[in-house]
Amino acid sequence: MRLGTRWAFGTEPPVSVPIELRPRIAAAEAAFEGDGSDRHWTLTWLEGRPIAELDDGTVVSEVIVDVRDDDEDW
């Protein structure tokens, strides 16, 4: 079991936040319009995958691409 964490918008994410999410979180903060000083991120784990959610509903997660072969039976 992995525990989540919470941190303030605009601050360095805790070490428990995976490295692959950090640039996505930074990009979401850079695109945020207005003052984010009263906002917080929450890191949770869903089926072993990290998800960071901002108080306003912005979600940052891993990008998973599943390429389907049309000849393959699903």
PDB file of N, CA and C in Angstrom:
ATOM      1  N   MET A   1       0.834  -1.175   0.000  1.00  0.00           N
ATOM      2  CA  MET A   1       0.000   0.000   0.000  1.00  0.00           C
ATOM      3  C   MET A   1       0.883   1.243   0.000  1.00  0.00           C
ATOM      4  N   ARG A   2       0.525   2.203  -0.831  1.00  0.00           N
ATOM      5  CA  ARG A   2       1.252   3.461  -0.885  1.00  0.00           C
ATOM      6  C   ARG A   2       0.372   4.563  -0.314  1.00  0.00           C
ATOM      7  N   LEU A   3       0.995   5.415   0.461  1.00  0.00           N
ATOM      8  CA  LEU A   3       0.259   6.525   1.057  1.00  0.00           C
ATOM      9  C   LEU A   3       0.379   7.758   0.172  1.00  0.00           C
ATOM     10  N   GLY A   4      -0.672   8.516   0.114  1.00  0.00           N
ATOM     11  CA  GLY A   4      -0.664   9.770  -0.632  1.00  0.00           C
ATOM     12  C   GLY A   4      -0.081  10.879   0.221  1.00  0.00           C
ATOM     13  N   THR A   5      -0.135  12.079  -0.329  1.00  0.00           N
ATOM     14  CA  THR A   5       0.378  13.242   0.389  1.00  0.00           C
ATOM     15  C   THR A   5      -0.292  14.495  -0.150  1.00  0.00           C
ATOM     16  N   ARG A   6      -0.088  15.589   0.526  1.00  0.00           N
ATOM     17  CA  ARG A   6      -0.657  16.866   0.124  1.00  0.00           C
ATOM     18  C   ARG A   6       0.416  17.931   0.230  1.00  0.00           C
ATOM     19  N   TRP A   7       0.380  18.904  -0.700  1.00  0.00           N
ATOM     20  CA  TRP A   7       1.334  20.006  -0.648  1.00  0.00           C
ATOM     21  C   TRP A   7       0.730  21.238  -1.297  1.00  0.00           C
ATOM     22  N   ALA A   8       1.279  22.380  -0.978  1.00  0.00           N
ATOM     23  CA  ALA A   8       0.755  23.657  -1.455  1.00  0.00           C
ATOM     24  C   ALA A   8       1.150  23.923  -2.904  1.00  0.00           C
ATOM     25  N   PHE A   9       0.245  24.523  -3.645  1.00  0.00           N
ATOM     26  CA  PHE A   9       0.467  24.972  -5.016  1.00  0.00           C
ATOM     27  C   PHE A   9       1.701  25.872  -5.040  1.00  0.00           C
ATOM     28  N   GLY A  10       2.556  25.669  -6.012  1.00  0.00           N
ATOM     29  CA  GLY A  10       3.729  26.529  -6.187  1.00  0.00           C
ATOM     30  C   GLY A  10       4.928  26.151  -5.348  1.00  0.00           C
ATOM     31  N   THR A  11       4.796  25.126  -4.528  1.00  0.00           N
ATOM     32  CA  THR A  11       5.942  24.683  -3.727  1.00  0.00           C
ATOM     33  C   THR A  11       6.496  23.395  -4.318  1.00  0.00           C
ATOM     34  N   GLU A  12       7.673  23.026  -3.886  1.00  0.00           N
ATOM     35  CA  GLU A  12       8.314  21.794  -4.354  1.00  0.00           C
ATOM     36  C   GLU A  12       7.498  20.589  -3.898  1.00  0.00           C
ATOM     37  N   PRO A  13       7.121  19.704  -4.834  1.00  0.00           N
ATOM     38  CA  PRO A  13       6.390  18.508  -4.416  1.00  0.00           C
ATOM     39  C   PRO A  13       7.242  17.649  -3.477  1.00  0.00           C
ATOM     40  N   PRO A  14       6.604  16.946  -2.551  1.00  0.00           N
ATOM     41  CA  PRO A  14       7.340  16.052  -1.656  1.00  0.00           C
ATOM     42  C   PRO A  14       8.086  14.968  -2.434  1.00  0.00           C
ATOM     43  N   VAL A  15       9.069  14.372  -1.817  1.00  0.00           N
ATOM     44  CA  VAL A  15       9.874  13.348  -2.478  1.00  0.00           C
ATOM     45  C   VAL A  15       9.042  12.138  -2.893  1.00  0.00           C
ATOM     46  N   SER A  16       7.891  11.935  -2.284  1.00  0.00           N
ATOM     47  CA  SER A  16       7.046  10.794  -2.636  1.00  0.00           C
ATOM     48  C   SER A  16       6.323  10.982  -3.976  1.00  0.00           C
ATOM     49  N   VAL A  17       6.348  12.198  -4.519  1.00  0.00           N
ATOM     50  CA  VAL A  17       5.725  12.441  -5.824  1.00  0.00           C
ATOM     51  C   VAL A  17       6.683  11.934  -6.903  1.00  0.00           C
ATOM     52  N   PRO A  18       6.236  11.006  -7.747  1.00  0.00           N
ATOM     53  CA  PRO A  18       7.114  10.421  -8.759  1.00  0.00           C
ATOM     54  C   PRO A  18       7.710  11.469  -9.702  1.00  0.00           C
ATOM     55  N   ILE A  19       8.928  11.232 -10.089  1.00  0.00           N
ATOM     56  CA  ILE A  19       9.678  12.158 -10.942  1.00  0.00           C
ATOM     57  C   ILE A  19       8.961  12.433 -12.264  1.00  0.00           C
ATOM     58  N   GLU A  20       8.268  11.426 -12.811  1.00  0.00           N
ATOM     59  CA  GLU A  20       7.599  11.619 -14.094  1.00  0.00           C
ATOM     60  C   GLU A  20       6.387  12.550 -13.995  1.00  0.00           C
ATOM     61  N   LEU A  21       5.843  12.744 -12.814  1.00  0.00           N
ATOM     62  CA  LEU A  21       4.714  13.666 -12.650  1.00  0.00           C
ATOM     63  C   LEU A  21       5.160  15.112 -12.453  1.00  0.00           C
ATOM     64  N   ARG A  22       6.356  15.314 -11.983  1.00  0.00           N
ATOM     65  CA  ARG A  22       6.806  16.662 -11.616  1.00  0.00           C
ATOM     66  C   ARG A  22       6.748  17.675 -12.761  1.00  0.00           C
ATOM     67  N   PRO A  23       7.219  17.350 -13.985  1.00  0.00           N
ATOM     68  CA  PRO A  23       7.110  18.340 -15.058  1.00  0.00           C
ATOM     69  C   PRO A  23       5.654  18.624 -15.439  1.00  0.00           C
ATOM     70  N   ARG A  24       4.789  17.627 -15.313  1.00  0.00           N
ATOM     71  CA  ARG A  24       3.371  17.823 -15.636  1.00  0.00           C
ATOM     72  C   ARG A  24       2.696  18.717 -14.597  1.00  0.00           C
ATOM     73  N   ILE A  25       3.080  18.544 -13.349  1.00  0.00           N
ATOM     74  CA  ILE A  25       2.540  19.395 -12.287  1.00  0.00           C
ATOM     75  C   ILE A  25       3.012  20.829 -12.502  1.00  0.00           C
ATOM     76  N   ALA A  26       4.289  20.999 -12.823  1.00  0.00           N
ATOM     77  CA  ALA A  26       4.833  22.336 -13.078  1.00  0.00           C
ATOM     78  C   ALA A  26       4.126  23.003 -14.251  1.00  0.00           C
ATOM     79  N   ALA A  27       3.848  22.243 -15.309  1.00  0.00           N
ATOM     80  CA  ALA A  27       3.145  22.788 -16.475  1.00  0.00           C
ATOM     81  C   ALA A  27       1.719  23.196 -16.112  1.00  0.00           C
ATOM     82  N   ALA A  28       1.051  22.389 -15.295  1.00  0.00           N
ATOM     83  CA  ALA A  28      -0.311  22.724 -14.870  1.00  0.00           C
ATOM     84  C   ALA A  28      -0.309  23.998 -14.029  1.00  0.00           C
ATOM     85  N   GLU A  29       0.692  24.147 -13.180  1.00  0.00           N
ATOM     86  CA  GLU A  29       0.787  25.365 -12.375  1.00  0.00           C
ATOM     87  C   GLU A  29       1.078  26.580 -13.251  1.00  0.00           C
ATOM     88  N   ALA A  30       1.940  26.418 -14.245  1.00  0.00           N
ATOM     89  CA  ALA A  30       2.280  27.532 -15.142  1.00  0.00           C
ATOM     90  C   ALA A  30       1.060  27.971 -15.957  1.00  0.00           C
ATOM     91  N   ALA A  31       0.191  27.027 -16.290  1.00  0.00           N
ATOM     92  CA  ALA A  31      -1.000  27.341 -17.084  1.00  0.00           C
ATOM     93  C   ALA A  31      -2.159  27.856 -16.237  1.00  0.00           C
ATOM     94  N   PHE A  32      -2.031  27.749 -14.923  1.00  0.00           N
ATOM     95  CA  PHE A  32      -3.109  28.148 -14.025  1.00  0.00           C
ATOM     96  C   PHE A  32      -3.294  29.658 -14.084  1.00  0.00           C
ATOM     97  N   GLU A  33      -4.530  30.073 -14.291  1.00  0.00           N
ATOM     98  CA  GLU A  33      -4.830  31.501 -14.335  1.00  0.00           C
ATOM     99  C   GLU A  33      -5.253  31.966 -12.951  1.00  0.00           C
ATOM    100  N   GLY A  34      -4.660  33.029 -12.506  1.00  0.00           N
ATOM    101  CA  GLY A  34      -5.009  33.572 -11.196  1.00  0.00           C
ATOM    102  C   GLY A  34      -3.995  33.188 -10.146  1.00  0.00           C
ATOM    103  N   ASP A  35      -4.386  33.456  -8.919  1.00  0.00           N
ATOM    104  CA  ASP A  35      -3.516  33.206  -7.781  1.00  0.00           C
ATOM    105  C   ASP A  35      -3.792  31.817  -7.229  1.00  0.00           C
ATOM    106  N   GLY A  36      -2.790  30.978  -7.219  1.00  0.00           N
ATOM    107  CA  GLY A  36      -2.968  29.619  -6.724  1.00  0.00           C
ATOM    108  C   GLY A  36      -2.531  29.445  -5.288  1.00  0.00           C
ATOM    109  N   SER A  37      -2.266  30.544  -4.594  1.00  0.00           N
ATOM    110  CA  SER A  37      -1.699  30.443  -3.248  1.00  0.00           C
ATOM    111  C   SER A  37      -2.621  29.745  -2.246  1.00  0.00           C
ATOM    112  N   ASP A  38      -3.906  29.711  -2.512  1.00  0.00           N
ATOM    113  CA  ASP A  38      -4.821  29.046  -1.585  1.00  0.00           C
ATOM    114  C   ASP A  38      -5.152  27.617  -2.021  1.00  0.00           C
ATOM    115  N   ARG A  39      -4.456  27.123  -3.045  1.00  0.00           N
ATOM    116  CA  ARG A  39      -4.721  25.790  -3.594  1.00  0.00           C
ATOM    117  C   ARG A  39      -3.716  24.769  -3.061  1.00  0.00           C
ATOM    118  N   HIS A  40      -4.138  23.511  -3.095  1.00  0.00           N
ATOM    119  CA  HIS A  40      -3.269  22.410  -2.669  1.00  0.00           C
ATOM    120  C   HIS A  40      -3.416  21.236  -3.624  1.00  0.00           C
ATOM    121  N   TRP A  41      -2.324  20.505  -3.783  1.00  0.00           N
ATOM    122  CA  TRP A  41      -2.306  19.264  -4.548  1.00  0.00           C
ATOM    123  C   TRP A  41      -2.494  18.101  -3.591  1.00  0.00           C
ATOM    124  N   THR A  42      -3.128  17.038  -4.087  1.00  0.00           N
ATOM    125  CA  THR A  42      -3.258  15.796  -3.339  1.00  0.00           C
ATOM    126  C   THR A  42      -2.781  14.663  -4.234  1.00  0.00           C
ATOM    127  N   LEU A  43      -1.824  13.901  -3.742  1.00  0.00           N
ATOM    128  CA  LEU A  43      -1.334  12.729  -4.461  1.00  0.00           C
ATOM    129  C   LEU A  43      -2.037  11.503  -3.920  1.00  0.00           C
ATOM    130  N   THR A  44      -2.650  10.740  -4.820  1.00  0.00           N
ATOM    131  CA  THR A  44      -3.249   9.462  -4.454  1.00  0.00           C
ATOM    132  C   THR A  44      -2.736   8.408  -5.422  1.00  0.00           C
ATOM    133  N   TRP A  45      -3.009   7.179  -5.101  1.00  0.00           N
ATOM    134  CA  TRP A  45      -2.580   6.056  -5.940  1.00  0.00           C
ATOM    135  C   TRP A  45      -3.809   5.252  -6.313  1.00  0.00           C
ATOM    136  N   LEU A  46      -4.012   5.035  -7.598  1.00  0.00           N
ATOM    137  CA  LEU A  46      -5.123   4.239  -8.086  1.00  0.00           C
ATOM    138  C   LEU A  46      -4.553   3.062  -8.860  1.00  0.00           C
ATOM    139  N   GLU A  47      -4.780   1.884  -8.349  1.00  0.00           N
ATOM    140  CA  GLU A  47      -4.248   0.665  -8.953  1.00  0.00           C
ATOM    141  C   GLU A  47      -2.741   0.774  -9.210  1.00  0.00           C
ATOM    142  N   GLY A  48      -2.037   1.356  -8.250  1.00  0.00           N
ATOM    143  CA  GLY A  48      -0.588   1.485  -8.334  1.00  0.00           C
ATOM    144  C   GLY A  48      -0.091   2.648  -9.173  1.00  0.00           C
ATOM    145  N   ARG A  49      -1.003   3.443  -9.718  1.00  0.00           N
ATOM    146  CA  ARG A  49      -0.614   4.583 -10.560  1.00  0.00           C
ATOM    147  C   ARG A  49      -0.835   5.886  -9.804  1.00  0.00           C
ATOM    148  N   PRO A  50       0.150   6.793  -9.882  1.00  0.00           N
ATOM    149  CA  PRO A  50       0.020   8.061  -9.162  1.00  0.00           C
ATOM    150  C   PRO A  50      -0.916   9.040  -9.877  1.00  0.00           C
ATOM    151  N   ILE A  51      -1.715   9.742  -9.091  1.00  0.00           N
ATOM    152  CA  ILE A  51      -2.595  10.781  -9.608  1.00  0.00           C
ATOM    153  C   ILE A  51      -2.478  11.975  -8.675  1.00  0.00           C
ATOM    154  N   ALA A  52      -2.164  13.133  -9.249  1.00  0.00           N
ATOM    155  CA  ALA A  52      -2.118  14.371  -8.477  1.00  0.00           C
ATOM    156  C   ALA A  52      -3.325  15.210  -8.874  1.00  0.00           C
ATOM    157  N   GLU A  53      -4.082  15.652  -7.878  1.00  0.00           N
ATOM    158  CA  GLU A  53      -5.264  16.454  -8.154  1.00  0.00           C
ATOM    159  C   GLU A  53      -5.197  17.761  -7.377  1.00  0.00           C
ATOM    160  N   LEU A  54      -5.423  18.845  -8.103  1.00  0.00           N
ATOM    161  CA  LEU A  54      -5.474  20.170  -7.505  1.00  0.00           C
ATOM    162  C   LEU A  54      -6.875  20.397  -6.960  1.00  0.00           C
ATOM    163  N   ASP A  55      -7.010  21.243  -5.953  1.00  0.00           N
ATOM    164  CA  ASP A  55      -8.307  21.511  -5.335  1.00  0.00           C
ATOM    165  C   ASP A  55      -9.388  21.914  -6.337  1.00  0.00           C
ATOM    166  N   ASP A  56      -9.008  22.508  -7.460  1.00  0.00           N
ATOM    167  CA  ASP A  56     -10.011  22.956  -8.437  1.00  0.00           C
ATOM    168  C   ASP A  56     -10.447  21.851  -9.395  1.00  0.00           C
ATOM    169  N   GLY A  57      -9.898  20.649  -9.216  1.00  0.00           N
ATOM    170  CA  GLY A  57     -10.268  19.526 -10.065  1.00  0.00           C
ATOM    171  C   GLY A  57      -9.268  19.203 -11.158  1.00  0.00           C
ATOM    172  N   THR A  58      -8.228  20.010 -11.311  1.00  0.00           N
ATOM    173  CA  THR A  58      -7.171  19.715 -12.278  1.00  0.00           C
ATOM    174  C   THR A  58      -6.501  18.400 -11.884  1.00  0.00           C
ATOM    175  N   VAL A  59      -6.358  17.493 -12.847  1.00  0.00           N
ATOM    176  CA  VAL A  59      -5.775  16.181 -12.578  1.00  0.00           C
ATOM    177  C   VAL A  59      -4.533  15.985 -13.437  1.00  0.00           C
ATOM    178  N   VAL A  60      -3.473  15.522 -12.809  1.00  0.00           N
ATOM    179  CA  VAL A  60      -2.230  15.191 -13.499  1.00  0.00           C
ATOM    180  C   VAL A  60      -1.941  13.728 -13.193  1.00  0.00           C
ATOM    181  N   SER A  61      -1.724  12.949 -14.257  1.00  0.00           N
ATOM    182  CA  SER A  61      -1.420  11.538 -14.070  1.00  0.00           C
ATOM    183  C   SER A  61      -0.430  11.084 -15.125  1.00  0.00           C
ATOM    184  N   GLU A  62      -0.055   9.824 -15.031  1.00  0.00           N
ATOM    185  CA  GLU A  62       0.828   9.261 -16.044  1.00  0.00           C
ATOM    186  C   GLU A  62       0.091   9.215 -17.370  1.00  0.00           C
ATOM    187  N   VAL A  63       0.837   9.371 -18.434  1.00  0.00           N
ATOM    188  CA  VAL A  63       0.255   9.217 -19.760  1.00  0.00           C
ATOM    189  C   VAL A  63       0.441   7.761 -20.154  1.00  0.00           C
ATOM    190  N   ILE A  64      -0.657   7.092 -20.405  1.00  0.00           N
ATOM    191  CA  ILE A  64      -0.605   5.689 -20.777  1.00  0.00           C
ATOM    192  C   ILE A  64      -1.193   5.563 -22.170  1.00  0.00           C
ATOM    193  N   VAL A  65      -0.421   4.997 -23.059  1.00  0.00           N
ATOM    194  CA  VAL A  65      -0.871   4.820 -24.432  1.00  0.00           C
ATOM    195  C   VAL A  65      -1.004   3.337 -24.701  1.00  0.00           C
ATOM    196  N   ASP A  66      -2.169   2.952 -25.144  1.00  0.00           N
ATOM    197  CA  ASP A  66      -2.418   1.563 -25.502  1.00  0.00           C
ATOM    198  C   ASP A  66      -2.754   1.549 -26.988  1.00  0.00           C
ATOM    199  N   VAL A  67      -1.842   1.059 -27.795  1.00  0.00           N
ATOM    200  CA  VAL A  67      -2.049   1.020 -29.229  1.00  0.00           C
ATOM    201  C   VAL A  67      -2.721  -0.297 -29.579  1.00  0.00           C
ATOM    202  N   ARG A  68      -3.867  -0.195 -30.175  1.00  0.00           N
ATOM    203  CA  ARG A  68      -4.627  -1.387 -30.529  1.00  0.00           C
ATOM    204  C   ARG A  68      -4.352  -1.774 -31.968  1.00  0.00           C
ATOM    205  N   ASP A  69      -4.046  -3.026 -32.160  1.00  0.00           N
ATOM    206  CA  ASP A  69      -3.844  -3.580 -33.485  1.00  0.00           C
ATOM    207  C   ASP A  69      -5.201  -4.065 -33.970  1.00  0.00           C
ATOM    208  N   ASP A  70      -5.697  -3.504 -35.090  1.00  0.00           N
ATOM    209  CA  ASP A  70      -7.028  -3.866 -35.595  1.00  0.00           C
ATOM    210  C   ASP A  70      -7.149  -5.342 -35.939  1.00  0.00           C
ATOM    211  N   ASP A  71      -6.030  -6.016 -36.194  1.00  0.00           N
ATOM    212  CA  ASP A  71      -6.068  -7.433 -36.508  1.00  0.00           C
ATOM    213  C   ASP A  71      -6.129  -8.309 -35.264  1.00  0.00           C
ATOM    214  N   GLU A  72      -5.931  -7.699 -34.134  1.00  0.00           N
ATOM    215  CA  GLU A  72      -5.873  -8.455 -32.893  1.00  0.00           C
ATOM    216  C   GLU A  72      -7.282  -8.579 -32.293  1.00  0.00           C
ATOM    217  N   ASP A  73      -7.631  -9.740 -31.807  1.00  0.00           N
ATOM    218  CA  ASP A  73      -8.917  -9.942 -31.155  1.00  0.00           C
ATOM    219  C   ASP A  73      -8.852  -9.403 -29.723  1.00  0.00           C
ATOM    220  N   TRP A  74      -9.856  -8.600 -29.368  1.00  0.00           N
ATOM    221  CA  TRP A  74      -9.901  -8.063 -27.999  1.00  0.00           C
ATOM    222  C   TRP A  74     -11.030  -8.644 -27.293  1.00  0.00           C
TER     223      TRP A  74
END
